[in-house]
Protein backbone atom coordinates (compact mmCIF):
# COMPACT_ATOMS: atom_id res chain seq x y z
CA MET A 1 7.46 21.40 30.08
CA PRO A 2 4.55 23.88 30.34
CA ASN A 3 1.22 22.34 31.25
CA LEU A 4 -1.29 21.59 28.48
CA GLN A 5 1.36 21.78 25.76
CA HIS A 6 1.33 19.44 22.78
CA GLU A 7 4.68 17.71 22.23
CA ILE A 8 6.45 15.85 19.43
CA TYR A 9 9.41 13.56 20.13
CA GLU A 10 11.38 12.40 17.09
CA ALA A 11 13.84 9.70 17.98
CA SER A 12 16.23 7.42 16.14
CA ALA A 13 16.51 3.77 17.09
CA GLY A 14 18.08 3.20 20.49
CA THR A 15 17.56 6.73 21.80
CA GLY A 16 15.07 5.71 24.49
CA LYS A 17 11.60 6.27 23.01
CA THR A 18 9.97 3.78 25.38
CA TYR A 19 11.88 5.21 28.33
CA LYS A 20 10.68 8.69 27.34
CA VAL A 21 7.07 7.45 27.31
CA GLU A 22 7.49 5.97 30.80
CA GLN A 23 9.03 9.14 32.19
CA LYS A 24 6.41 11.31 30.52
CA VAL A 25 3.63 9.33 32.23
CA VAL A 26 5.42 9.66 35.59
CA ALA A 27 5.75 13.42 35.04
CA LEU A 28 2.05 13.71 34.19
CA LEU A 29 1.16 11.80 37.37
CA GLN A 30 3.29 14.18 39.40
CA GLU A 31 1.45 17.10 37.79
CA GLY A 32 -1.71 15.69 39.36
CA ILE A 33 -3.29 14.04 36.33
CA PRO A 34 -4.86 10.70 37.39
CA LEU A 35 -3.49 7.56 35.75
CA GLU A 36 -6.87 6.63 34.26
CA GLN A 37 -6.96 10.00 32.42
CA ILE A 38 -3.70 9.29 30.57
CA LEU A 39 -4.18 7.32 27.36
CA VAL A 40 -1.08 5.54 26.02
CA VAL A 41 -1.30 3.99 22.56
CA THR A 42 1.33 1.87 20.88
CA PHE A 43 1.47 -0.25 17.75
CA THR A 44 1.37 -3.92 18.75
CA GLU A 45 -0.17 -5.98 21.56
CA LYS A 46 3.28 -7.19 22.54
CA ALA A 47 4.58 -3.62 22.82
CA ALA A 48 1.50 -2.61 24.84
CA ALA A 49 2.00 -5.49 27.31
CA GLU A 50 5.70 -4.70 27.68
CA LEU A 51 5.01 -1.00 28.16
CA LEU A 52 2.38 -1.73 30.80
CA GLU A 53 4.92 -3.69 32.86
CA ARG A 54 7.73 -1.19 32.36
CA LEU A 55 5.44 1.67 33.32
CA ARG A 56 4.57 0.05 36.64
CA ILE A 57 8.27 -0.40 37.42
CA ALA A 58 8.96 3.24 36.45
CA ILE A 59 6.24 4.48 38.83
CA LEU A 60 7.60 2.31 41.63
CA ASP A 61 11.10 3.63 41.05
CA ALA A 62 9.92 7.24 40.94
CA ARG A 63 7.91 6.80 44.15
CA ASP A 64 10.99 5.58 46.00
CA LYS A 65 12.92 8.70 44.92
CA THR A 66 10.34 11.39 45.59
CA LEU A 67 9.60 13.25 48.80
CA ALA A 68 5.89 13.49 47.92
CA PRO A 69 4.85 9.97 46.89
CA LEU A 70 1.10 10.41 47.44
CA LEU A 71 0.18 10.90 43.77
CA LEU A 72 2.32 7.97 42.67
CA ASP A 73 0.94 5.78 45.46
CA HIS A 74 -2.55 6.48 44.16
CA ALA A 75 -1.43 5.54 40.62
CA LEU A 76 -0.08 2.21 41.90
CA GLU A 77 -3.25 1.50 43.89
CA THR A 78 -5.36 2.09 40.75
CA TYR A 79 -2.89 0.55 38.31
CA ASP A 80 -5.50 -1.87 36.97
CA ASN A 81 -7.13 1.20 35.42
CA ALA A 82 -4.03 2.05 33.36
CA GLN A 83 -5.11 2.96 29.82
CA VAL A 84 -2.39 1.33 27.69
CA PHE A 85 -3.72 -0.08 24.41
CA THR A 86 -3.09 -0.64 20.77
CA ILE A 87 -5.08 1.73 18.57
CA HIS A 88 -7.45 -1.11 17.60
CA ALA A 89 -8.02 -2.13 21.22
CA PHE A 90 -8.73 1.48 22.19
CA CYS A 91 -11.30 1.92 19.41
CA LEU A 92 -13.00 -1.38 20.23
CA ARG A 93 -13.17 -0.44 23.91
CA VAL A 94 -14.83 2.89 23.14
CA LEU A 95 -17.34 1.35 20.73
CA GLN A 96 -18.29 -1.25 23.34
CA GLN A 97 -18.48 1.14 26.29
CA TYR A 98 -20.54 3.82 24.53
CA PRO A 99 -22.99 1.73 22.46
CA PHE A 100 -25.76 4.36 22.46
CA ASP A 101 -23.53 7.08 21.02
CA HIS A 102 -22.98 5.40 17.64
CA ALA A 103 -24.87 3.17 15.25
CA HIS A 104 -22.69 0.06 15.32
CA GLY A 105 -23.85 -1.81 18.42
CA SER A 106 -21.76 -3.01 21.31
CA ARG A 107 -21.35 -6.71 20.55
CA SER A 108 -19.78 -7.86 17.32
CA ARG A 109 -17.97 -11.01 16.29
CA LEU A 110 -14.37 -10.40 15.23
CA VAL A 111 -13.60 -11.55 11.68
CA GLN A 112 -10.77 -11.11 9.24
CA ASP A 113 -11.73 -9.26 6.07
CA GLU A 114 -9.89 -11.94 4.11
CA GLU A 115 -12.49 -14.47 5.32
CA ILE A 116 -15.41 -12.74 3.60
CA ILE A 117 -13.98 -10.65 0.77
CA LYS A 118 -13.94 -13.53 -1.73
CA THR A 119 -17.50 -14.50 -0.82
CA CYS A 120 -18.67 -10.94 -1.43
CA LEU A 121 -16.80 -10.77 -4.74
CA ARG A 122 -18.44 -13.99 -5.96
CA ASP A 123 -21.84 -12.56 -4.99
CA ILE A 124 -21.16 -9.41 -7.01
CA GLN A 125 -20.01 -11.44 -10.00
CA ARG A 126 -23.02 -13.78 -9.95
CA ARG A 127 -25.77 -11.30 -9.12
CA ASP A 128 -24.70 -7.76 -9.91
CA TRP A 129 -22.60 -8.05 -13.07
CA PRO A 130 -25.17 -9.80 -15.32
CA GLN A 131 -28.03 -7.63 -14.09
CA LYS A 132 -26.09 -4.35 -14.38
CA TYR A 133 -24.37 -4.89 -17.74
CA ARG A 134 -27.04 -7.05 -19.44
CA GLU A 135 -26.34 -7.81 -23.11
CA MET A 136 -23.01 -5.89 -22.94
CA PHE A 137 -21.75 -8.14 -20.14
CA GLY A 138 -19.31 -10.00 -22.39
CA THR A 139 -18.03 -6.73 -23.84
CA VAL A 140 -17.39 -5.27 -20.38
CA LEU A 141 -15.45 -8.39 -19.37
CA ALA A 142 -13.40 -8.25 -22.57
CA LEU A 143 -12.50 -4.59 -22.07
CA ALA A 144 -11.32 -5.41 -18.53
CA ASP A 145 -9.12 -8.30 -19.78
CA PHE A 146 -11.17 -10.62 -17.59
CA GLY A 147 -10.32 -14.28 -18.10
CA THR A 148 -7.16 -13.58 -20.13
CA GLY A 149 -4.73 -14.83 -17.50
CA LYS A 150 -3.98 -11.33 -16.19
CA ASN A 151 -5.23 -12.13 -12.66
CA PHE A 152 -8.15 -9.71 -12.72
CA GLU A 153 -9.73 -11.14 -9.56
CA THR A 154 -6.47 -11.17 -7.62
CA LYS A 155 -5.86 -7.53 -8.49
CA VAL A 156 -9.40 -6.49 -7.54
CA LEU A 157 -9.14 -8.30 -4.19
CA LYS A 158 -5.82 -6.61 -3.46
CA LEU A 159 -7.20 -3.23 -4.51
CA ALA A 160 -10.33 -3.53 -2.37
CA GLY A 161 -8.27 -4.85 0.55
CA SER A 162 -6.12 -1.71 0.68
CA TYR A 163 -8.72 0.86 -0.45
CA ARG A 164 -9.84 3.07 2.45
CA PRO A 165 -12.30 5.81 1.40
CA ALA A 166 -12.31 7.13 4.97
CA CYS A 167 -8.56 7.77 4.65
CA GLY A 168 -9.18 9.95 1.60
CA HIS A 169 -8.14 7.26 -0.86
CA LYS A 170 -9.26 7.68 -4.47
CA LEU A 171 -9.35 5.06 -7.19
CA LEU A 172 -7.74 6.28 -10.39
CA PRO A 173 -8.22 6.38 -13.30
CA ASN A 174 -11.81 7.39 -12.66
CA GLU A 175 -13.24 5.56 -15.66
CA ALA A 176 -16.93 4.74 -15.99
CA ILE A 177 -18.64 1.98 -17.95
CA ASP A 178 -20.90 3.80 -20.45
CA LEU A 179 -23.30 1.14 -21.71
CA GLU A 180 -24.94 3.47 -24.26
CA LEU A 181 -21.54 4.26 -25.75
CA LEU A 182 -20.73 0.55 -25.92
CA ARG A 183 -24.05 -0.22 -27.65
CA ALA A 184 -23.43 2.48 -30.27
CA LEU A 185 -19.85 1.35 -30.77
CA SER A 186 -20.98 -2.25 -31.18
CA GLY A 187 -23.08 -1.19 -34.17
CA THR A 188 -20.09 0.64 -35.68
CA PHE A 189 -17.89 -2.41 -35.15
CA ALA A 190 -20.49 -4.64 -36.79
CA ARG A 191 -20.41 -2.46 -39.93
CA THR A 192 -16.60 -2.37 -40.02
CA HIS A 193 -16.47 -6.12 -39.46
CA ALA A 194 -18.79 -6.56 -42.45
CA GLN A 195 -16.44 -4.45 -44.61
CA ILE A 196 -13.46 -6.60 -43.69
CA LYS A 197 -15.53 -9.74 -44.21
CA ASN A 198 -16.29 -8.60 -47.78
CA LEU A 199 -12.60 -7.92 -48.40
CA VAL A 200 -11.56 -11.32 -47.07
CA GLY A 201 -14.31 -13.41 -48.63
CA PRO A 202 -15.84 -16.63 -47.32
CA LEU A 203 -13.88 -19.31 -45.50
CA SER A 204 -14.65 -22.85 -46.55
CA GLY A 205 -12.60 -25.44 -44.71
CA VAL A 206 -9.39 -24.65 -42.88
CA ALA A 207 -7.82 -21.21 -42.79
CA THR A 208 -4.64 -22.40 -44.48
CA ALA A 209 -6.71 -23.19 -47.60
CA HIS A 210 -8.12 -19.66 -47.83
CA PRO A 211 -7.08 -17.80 -51.02
CA LEU A 212 -5.69 -14.84 -49.06
CA TYR A 213 -3.54 -17.17 -46.95
CA GLN A 214 -2.23 -18.87 -50.10
CA ALA A 215 -1.56 -15.55 -51.82
CA PHE A 216 0.31 -14.23 -48.77
CA GLY A 217 2.78 -17.09 -49.17
CA THR A 218 3.79 -15.83 -52.63
CA LEU A 219 4.24 -12.15 -51.76
CA ASP A 220 7.54 -10.39 -52.31
CA TYR A 221 8.48 -10.08 -48.65
CA LYS A 222 11.26 -8.06 -47.07
CA PHE A 223 12.24 -10.90 -44.73
CA LYS A 224 11.19 -14.07 -46.53
CA GLN A 225 12.27 -16.25 -43.61
CA TYR A 226 9.52 -14.62 -41.50
CA ARG A 227 6.74 -14.71 -44.11
CA ASP A 228 5.25 -18.03 -43.01
CA LEU A 229 5.61 -17.10 -39.34
CA HIS A 230 3.73 -13.85 -39.87
CA ARG A 231 0.89 -15.30 -41.90
CA ASN A 232 0.39 -18.04 -39.28
CA SER A 233 0.72 -15.74 -36.28
CA TYR A 234 -1.21 -12.73 -37.60
CA LEU A 235 -3.15 -13.49 -40.78
CA ILE A 236 -4.90 -16.68 -39.58
CA PRO A 237 -6.45 -14.99 -36.48
CA VAL A 238 -7.73 -12.16 -38.71
CA LEU A 239 -9.20 -14.64 -41.22
CA LEU A 240 -10.99 -16.59 -38.51
CA TRP A 241 -12.34 -13.41 -36.91
CA ALA A 242 -13.36 -11.77 -40.20
CA THR A 243 -15.31 -14.81 -41.46
CA GLU A 244 -17.12 -15.44 -38.16
CA ASP A 245 -20.78 -14.50 -37.71
CA ILE A 246 -20.67 -12.23 -34.67
CA PRO A 247 -23.76 -10.62 -33.08
CA ALA A 248 -23.53 -6.85 -32.71
CA TYR A 249 -23.43 -6.97 -28.90
CA GLU A 250 -20.38 -9.27 -29.02
CA GLN A 251 -18.41 -7.29 -31.60
CA ILE A 252 -16.19 -5.35 -29.17
CA GLY A 253 -15.36 -8.45 -27.14
CA ALA A 254 -14.53 -10.43 -30.29
CA PHE A 255 -12.24 -7.64 -31.48
CA GLN A 256 -10.52 -7.53 -28.09
CA ARG A 257 -9.84 -11.26 -28.33
CA LEU A 258 -8.40 -10.74 -31.82
CA SER A 259 -6.18 -7.95 -30.50
CA GLU A 260 -4.57 -10.39 -28.07
CA HIS A 261 -2.66 -11.84 -31.04
CA PHE A 262 -1.08 -8.44 -31.61
CA ASP A 263 1.03 -6.19 -29.43
CA ASP A 264 0.34 -2.47 -29.83
CA LYS A 265 4.02 -1.54 -29.49
CA LYS A 266 6.09 -4.42 -30.83
CA HIS A 267 3.68 -6.20 -33.16
CA PRO A 268 0.69 -3.99 -34.08
CA PHE A 269 -1.81 -4.71 -36.84
CA ASP A 270 0.57 -3.55 -39.57
CA MET A 271 2.52 -6.76 -39.07
CA LEU A 272 0.12 -7.92 -41.81
CA ASN A 273 1.56 -5.57 -44.42
CA LYS A 274 4.65 -3.65 -43.21
CA TYR A 275 7.13 -6.08 -44.83
CA VAL A 276 5.23 -6.53 -48.11
CA LYS A 277 7.35 -5.03 -50.92
CA GLU A 278 4.95 -5.33 -53.89
CA LYS A 279 1.82 -3.21 -54.56
CA GLY A 280 -0.54 -5.67 -56.25
CA ASP A 281 -4.18 -6.55 -55.45
CA VAL A 282 -3.29 -8.69 -52.44
CA ALA A 283 -1.10 -5.94 -50.96
CA ARG A 284 -3.82 -3.32 -51.47
CA LYS A 285 -6.35 -5.62 -49.80
CA LEU A 286 -4.03 -6.11 -46.82
CA ASP A 287 -3.49 -2.34 -46.61
CA LYS A 288 -7.25 -1.73 -46.41
CA ILE A 289 -7.75 -4.47 -43.79
CA VAL A 290 -4.97 -3.01 -41.66
CA GLU A 291 -6.44 0.50 -42.00
CA LEU A 292 -9.85 -0.69 -40.78
CA LEU A 293 -8.32 -2.67 -37.90
CA PHE A 294 -6.45 0.41 -36.72
CA GLU A 295 -9.68 2.45 -36.90
CA MET A 296 -11.42 -0.10 -34.68
CA SER A 297 -8.54 -0.16 -32.24
CA ALA A 298 -8.45 3.64 -31.99
CA SER A 299 -12.17 3.81 -31.18
CA ILE A 300 -11.99 1.39 -28.22
CA PRO A 301 -13.11 3.42 -25.17
CA LYS A 302 -10.76 3.87 -22.21
CA MET A 303 -12.50 1.42 -19.92
CA GLN A 304 -9.72 -1.05 -19.14
CA PHE A 305 -9.83 -0.32 -15.41
CA ALA A 306 -13.49 0.68 -15.14
CA LEU A 307 -14.76 -2.77 -14.14
CA ALA A 308 -12.01 -3.14 -11.51
CA VAL A 309 -12.76 0.30 -10.04
CA GLU A 310 -16.54 -0.23 -9.97
CA THR A 311 -16.14 -3.71 -8.53
CA ALA A 312 -13.71 -2.59 -5.81
CA GLN A 313 -16.09 0.19 -4.76
CA ALA A 314 -19.05 -2.20 -4.74
CA LEU A 315 -16.98 -4.77 -2.85
CA ILE A 316 -16.25 -2.32 -0.02
CA GLN A 317 -19.96 -1.53 0.31
CA ARG A 318 -20.98 -5.20 0.09
CA MET A 319 -18.49 -6.23 2.76
CA ASP A 320 -19.65 -3.45 5.07
CA ALA A 321 -23.30 -4.46 4.65
CA HIS A 322 -22.42 -8.16 5.04
CA LYS A 323 -20.67 -7.51 8.36
CA LYS A 324 -23.26 -5.13 9.75
CA THR A 325 -26.22 -7.47 9.08
CA ARG A 326 -24.34 -10.38 10.70
CA GLY A 327 -22.88 -8.51 13.67
CA MET A 328 -19.27 -8.71 12.48
CA GLN A 329 -16.29 -6.38 12.73
CA SER A 330 -12.74 -6.59 11.43
CA PHE A 331 -9.70 -4.81 12.85
CA ASP A 332 -9.95 -2.14 10.15
CA ASP A 333 -13.61 -1.62 11.07
CA PHE A 334 -12.60 -0.63 14.60
CA LEU A 335 -10.81 2.41 13.16
CA SER A 336 -13.34 3.37 10.49
CA ARG A 337 -16.35 3.01 12.80
CA MET A 338 -14.62 4.93 15.57
CA ALA A 339 -13.78 7.76 13.16
CA GLU A 340 -17.36 7.73 11.89
CA ALA A 341 -18.71 7.81 15.45
CA LEU A 342 -16.64 10.96 16.18
CA ASP A 343 -17.69 12.74 12.98
CA GLU A 344 -20.59 15.13 13.55
CA GLU A 345 -21.59 14.92 9.88
CA GLN A 346 -22.01 11.14 10.08
CA ASN A 347 -23.20 10.70 13.66
CA LEU A 348 -25.75 12.96 15.38
CA ARG A 349 -24.48 11.84 18.79
CA ALA A 350 -20.83 12.57 18.00
CA PRO A 351 -20.77 15.70 20.26
CA MET A 352 -21.95 13.62 23.22
CA LEU A 353 -19.35 10.91 22.55
CA LEU A 354 -16.57 13.48 22.15
CA ALA A 355 -17.59 15.18 25.38
CA ALA A 356 -17.54 11.85 27.24
CA LEU A 357 -14.07 10.97 25.92
CA ARG A 358 -12.67 14.42 26.65
CA THR A 359 -13.94 14.13 30.19
CA ARG A 360 -12.45 10.67 30.54
CA TYR A 361 -9.02 11.46 29.05
CA ARG A 362 -6.89 14.58 29.43
CA VAL A 363 -3.68 13.42 27.76
CA ALA A 364 -2.82 10.95 25.00
CA ILE A 365 0.66 9.63 24.29
CA VAL A 366 0.93 7.92 20.91
CA ASP A 367 4.04 5.79 20.40
CA GLU A 368 5.36 4.76 16.95
CA PHE A 369 3.34 7.57 15.42
CA GLN A 370 5.31 7.36 12.17
CA ASP A 371 3.11 4.36 11.35
CA THR A 372 -0.14 6.27 11.67
CA ASP A 373 -2.77 6.75 8.97
CA PRO A 374 -5.39 9.47 8.29
CA LEU A 375 -8.06 7.62 10.29
CA GLN A 376 -5.89 7.37 13.40
CA TRP A 377 -4.96 11.04 13.19
CA LYS A 378 -8.65 11.94 12.75
CA ILE A 379 -9.51 10.01 15.92
CA PHE A 380 -6.76 11.48 18.13
CA SER A 381 -7.03 15.01 16.79
CA SER A 382 -10.83 15.04 17.26
CA ILE A 383 -10.46 14.18 20.94
CA PHE A 384 -7.23 15.86 21.99
CA VAL A 385 -6.44 18.66 19.50
CA TYR A 386 -9.74 20.19 18.41
CA GLY A 387 -11.42 20.00 21.82
CA GLY A 388 -10.00 23.19 23.27
CA GLU A 389 -6.90 23.92 25.33
CA SER A 390 -7.57 21.52 28.19
CA HIS A 391 -6.08 18.46 26.48
CA ARG A 392 -2.63 17.42 25.37
CA LEU A 393 -1.43 15.16 22.57
CA ILE A 394 2.11 13.80 22.76
CA LEU A 395 3.51 12.08 19.69
CA VAL A 396 6.57 9.84 19.75
CA GLY A 397 8.04 8.41 16.58
CA ASP A 398 10.78 8.29 13.98
CA PRO A 399 9.82 9.07 10.37
CA LYS A 400 12.97 7.28 9.19
CA GLN A 401 11.48 4.02 10.48
CA ALA A 402 8.09 4.25 8.72
CA ILE A 403 7.75 0.76 7.22
CA TYR A 404 4.07 -0.14 7.50
CA SER A 405 2.66 1.31 4.28
CA PHE A 406 1.12 -2.13 3.65
CA ARG A 407 -1.11 -1.39 6.67
CA ASN A 408 -2.03 2.01 5.22
CA ALA A 409 0.53 3.87 7.31
CA ASP A 410 1.00 7.26 5.65
CA LEU A 411 4.26 9.11 6.25
CA LYS A 412 2.84 12.29 4.70
CA MET A 413 0.06 12.10 7.27
CA TYR A 414 2.68 11.99 10.02
CA ILE A 415 4.32 15.13 8.64
CA ARG A 416 0.97 16.95 8.37
CA ALA A 417 0.09 15.95 11.95
CA ARG A 418 3.48 17.08 13.23
CA ASP A 419 3.12 20.43 11.47
CA GLU A 420 -0.44 20.80 12.79
CA LEU A 421 0.73 20.37 16.38
CA LYS A 422 3.64 22.77 15.84
CA SER A 423 1.22 25.38 14.47
CA ARG A 424 -0.77 25.03 17.72
CA GLY A 425 2.27 25.61 19.90
CA GLY A 426 3.47 22.02 20.02
CA ILE A 427 7.11 21.65 20.99
CA PRO A 428 9.30 19.38 18.81
CA THR A 429 12.06 17.67 20.81
CA PRO A 430 14.60 15.38 19.10
CA LEU A 431 15.97 12.48 21.13
CA ASN A 432 19.53 12.33 19.88
CA THR A 433 21.44 10.31 22.47
CA SER A 434 21.83 6.63 21.63
CA TYR A 435 22.05 4.09 24.44
CA ARG A 436 22.39 1.17 22.04
CA SER A 437 25.36 1.87 19.75
CA SER A 438 29.04 2.61 20.15
CA GLU A 439 30.55 6.02 19.50
CA PRO A 440 32.56 5.00 16.37
CA LEU A 441 29.47 3.45 14.77
CA LEU A 442 27.36 6.55 15.42
CA ALA A 443 30.11 8.83 14.09
CA GLY A 444 30.21 6.81 10.88
CA LEU A 445 26.43 6.82 10.48
CA ASN A 446 26.30 10.56 11.09
CA ALA A 447 28.91 11.10 8.40
CA LEU A 448 27.04 8.85 5.99
CA PHE A 449 23.55 10.25 6.46
CA SER A 450 24.22 13.92 7.20
CA ASP A 451 25.28 14.80 3.65
CA LYS A 452 21.57 14.90 2.63
CA ALA A 453 21.99 12.24 -0.04
CA PHE A 454 19.63 9.99 1.95
CA PHE A 455 17.54 12.53 3.89
CA SER A 456 17.44 15.85 2.08
CA GLY A 457 14.80 17.40 4.32
CA ALA A 458 12.77 18.48 1.28
CA ASP A 459 10.05 15.94 2.09
CA GLY A 460 9.90 16.95 5.74
CA ILE A 461 12.31 14.23 6.92
CA ALA A 462 15.73 15.43 8.01
CA TYR A 463 18.50 13.40 9.57
CA GLN A 464 19.27 14.40 13.15
CA PRO A 465 22.83 13.43 14.17
CA VAL A 466 22.85 10.96 17.05
CA HIS A 467 25.50 10.92 19.74
CA ALA A 468 26.65 8.14 22.03
CA ALA A 469 25.51 8.07 25.64
CA PRO A 470 28.11 8.79 28.31
CA GLU A 471 30.48 6.01 29.28
CA GLY A 472 28.81 3.43 31.42
CA GLN A 473 25.40 4.05 29.82
CA ARG A 474 26.22 2.57 26.41
CA PRO A 475 27.42 -0.85 25.23
CA GLU A 476 31.17 -1.24 24.85
CA ILE A 477 32.96 -3.65 22.52
CA VAL A 478 35.23 -5.72 24.75
CA VAL A 479 36.93 -7.84 22.09
CA ASP A 480 37.19 -6.94 18.38
CA ASN A 481 39.21 -9.32 16.20
CA THR A 482 37.79 -8.15 12.87
CA GLY A 483 40.44 -5.54 12.16
CA ARG A 484 37.74 -3.39 10.54
CA LYS A 485 36.35 0.06 11.20
CA ALA A 486 32.80 0.45 12.55
CA ILE A 487 31.42 1.04 9.03
CA THR A 488 32.62 -0.37 5.73
CA VAL A 489 31.32 1.41 2.62
CA VAL A 490 31.57 -0.53 -0.62
CA ARG A 491 31.46 1.53 -3.80
CA PHE A 492 30.09 -0.23 -6.90
CA PRO A 493 30.38 0.99 -10.48
CA ALA A 494 27.38 2.99 -11.68
CA ASP A 495 26.29 0.12 -13.96
CA ALA A 496 26.77 -2.62 -11.34
CA LYS A 497 23.97 -5.15 -11.13
CA THR A 498 23.52 -7.08 -7.90
CA ASP A 499 20.82 -9.43 -9.14
CA ALA A 500 22.79 -12.61 -8.57
CA LEU A 501 26.25 -13.86 -7.73
CA GLN A 502 27.90 -14.71 -11.03
CA PRO A 503 31.52 -15.79 -11.70
CA THR A 504 32.42 -12.32 -13.00
CA ALA A 505 34.69 -9.68 -11.54
CA GLN A 506 31.71 -7.73 -10.24
CA GLY A 507 30.04 -10.91 -8.99
CA MET A 508 33.18 -11.97 -7.14
CA GLU A 509 33.35 -8.51 -5.60
CA ILE A 510 29.88 -8.96 -4.13
CA ASP A 511 30.83 -12.47 -3.05
CA GLY A 512 33.80 -11.02 -1.21
CA VAL A 513 31.61 -8.44 0.49
CA LEU A 514 29.21 -11.15 1.64
CA GLN A 515 32.05 -13.11 3.17
CA ARG A 516 33.40 -10.03 4.95
CA VAL A 517 30.21 -8.51 6.37
CA ALA A 518 29.39 -11.36 8.76
CA PRO A 519 30.55 -14.94 9.33
CA ARG A 520 26.90 -16.04 9.49
CA VAL A 521 26.37 -14.97 5.88
CA HIS A 522 29.33 -17.10 4.80
CA VAL A 523 27.96 -20.11 6.71
CA ALA A 524 24.51 -19.59 5.19
CA ARG A 525 26.08 -19.70 1.72
CA GLN A 526 27.60 -23.08 2.41
CA VAL A 527 24.67 -24.61 4.28
CA GLY A 528 21.61 -23.09 2.66
CA GLY A 529 22.76 -22.63 -0.90
CA SER A 530 23.72 -19.44 -2.70
CA ILE A 531 22.66 -16.01 -1.50
CA ARG A 532 21.45 -13.70 -4.23
CA GLY A 533 22.96 -10.26 -4.17
CA LYS A 534 19.57 -8.54 -4.24
CA ARG A 535 18.75 -10.09 -0.84
CA VAL A 536 21.61 -8.25 0.87
CA ALA A 537 21.31 -4.54 1.66
CA PHE A 538 24.28 -2.24 1.14
CA PRO A 539 24.56 1.50 1.70
CA VAL A 540 25.69 2.57 -1.79
CA GLN A 541 26.60 6.11 -2.77
């Protein structure tokens, strides 16, 4: 491979990604690059520890086979300086070793964001909300469905926990809480509420004694069996709301609470009059009430998500301030603060830090790169891609195995990074020899996945056929008493539902599949109870 060339290795499972990393480090050492100038980054601490041990063995093995072992001897003598880390450990190490080149200090206590996020949310709710929204506080809460059993706080915590502005995330819809609009609308609602109150008349005693309630019970109704149900479910809430004395600043919230008794799609406000067949005074009064209710509903501003968006944004800022003033960092902070430290627009000393890192490292090998995110790419590209032609970035990964979206891994980011390296002369090399699977299994998988039904290539992910390693380098099945081929494809009808095993023909078919695929599944059915079909994965065409 030419010197100073970026490289991209895409490899399916079992094709020797870790072995390739080991051999690449050995090759770099033999080129004359010192071990301490080769940065190797992998995904987990366990993988880093395993790679560190395997790398030492690979260097020892290579030294015994070479006629010029001097460079490898030096690598073994300085092996304690091997730079094999997780991405978080690498960022923490840099932040600690270059404390004067960024604004985050060198000593911070490690915390989990989950430990402080609820505390910060409570602080925002107690201090910020009442002061910011003032007399419209109740209205803002009502528009956000706060306290209606829709888990507002849980959703906000989840949103803030995964929101990463530094990764280019945006919160949509971008709604804003317009207090002046709400104040004006409250006055309009107060006037409309007064109109309906005049139509309804006073309420003395219980709602079921109100004249409109009594008259509703005598109406010529399309479905008489539902008349009492409708007047209890829909008319009583309207009567109670219409006859209540509501301050102007609470009008929108009160109307929102009334609306909870109706469903915009299945049971809207016209449930009050849509089945009334006569056209007398009571019917005309109901028609007017329904008309006014629909007018109020149509004028509600689109602010359902505004409180959640504003709170999530404030929560990110509050957590950051909370941690900085107390000398705390979370794992996510390692990445964001490292990226900030390397950004010349955010850190005046970023050029000095970049120069120090480019002097320290000449090559970076990033394993499991399919699980990267925009911050990680920003860090590695700043040091090894945009620093001139004297550095190399080697990516190893498999986009088909990208499973860590819950950790903000971004497969599109992987594709953009891969294309960026290719545009700069990077060489893509597929690893397509499997040392883990038998030849019949690989032939079946190739046939299944190569028809582009699973991997069309349109999204930048294409299936590369994988071939078995030569005999003696791959596992061999010694005894096979199953009588089955390497792959069994089960075809279900287009309308098949695999939600649960039911005593139906289709359910028994799934049951039969479960018993055939593995004896352990059959045992689990008998010992641990039933297995639901949706918990078993099938390739289905």
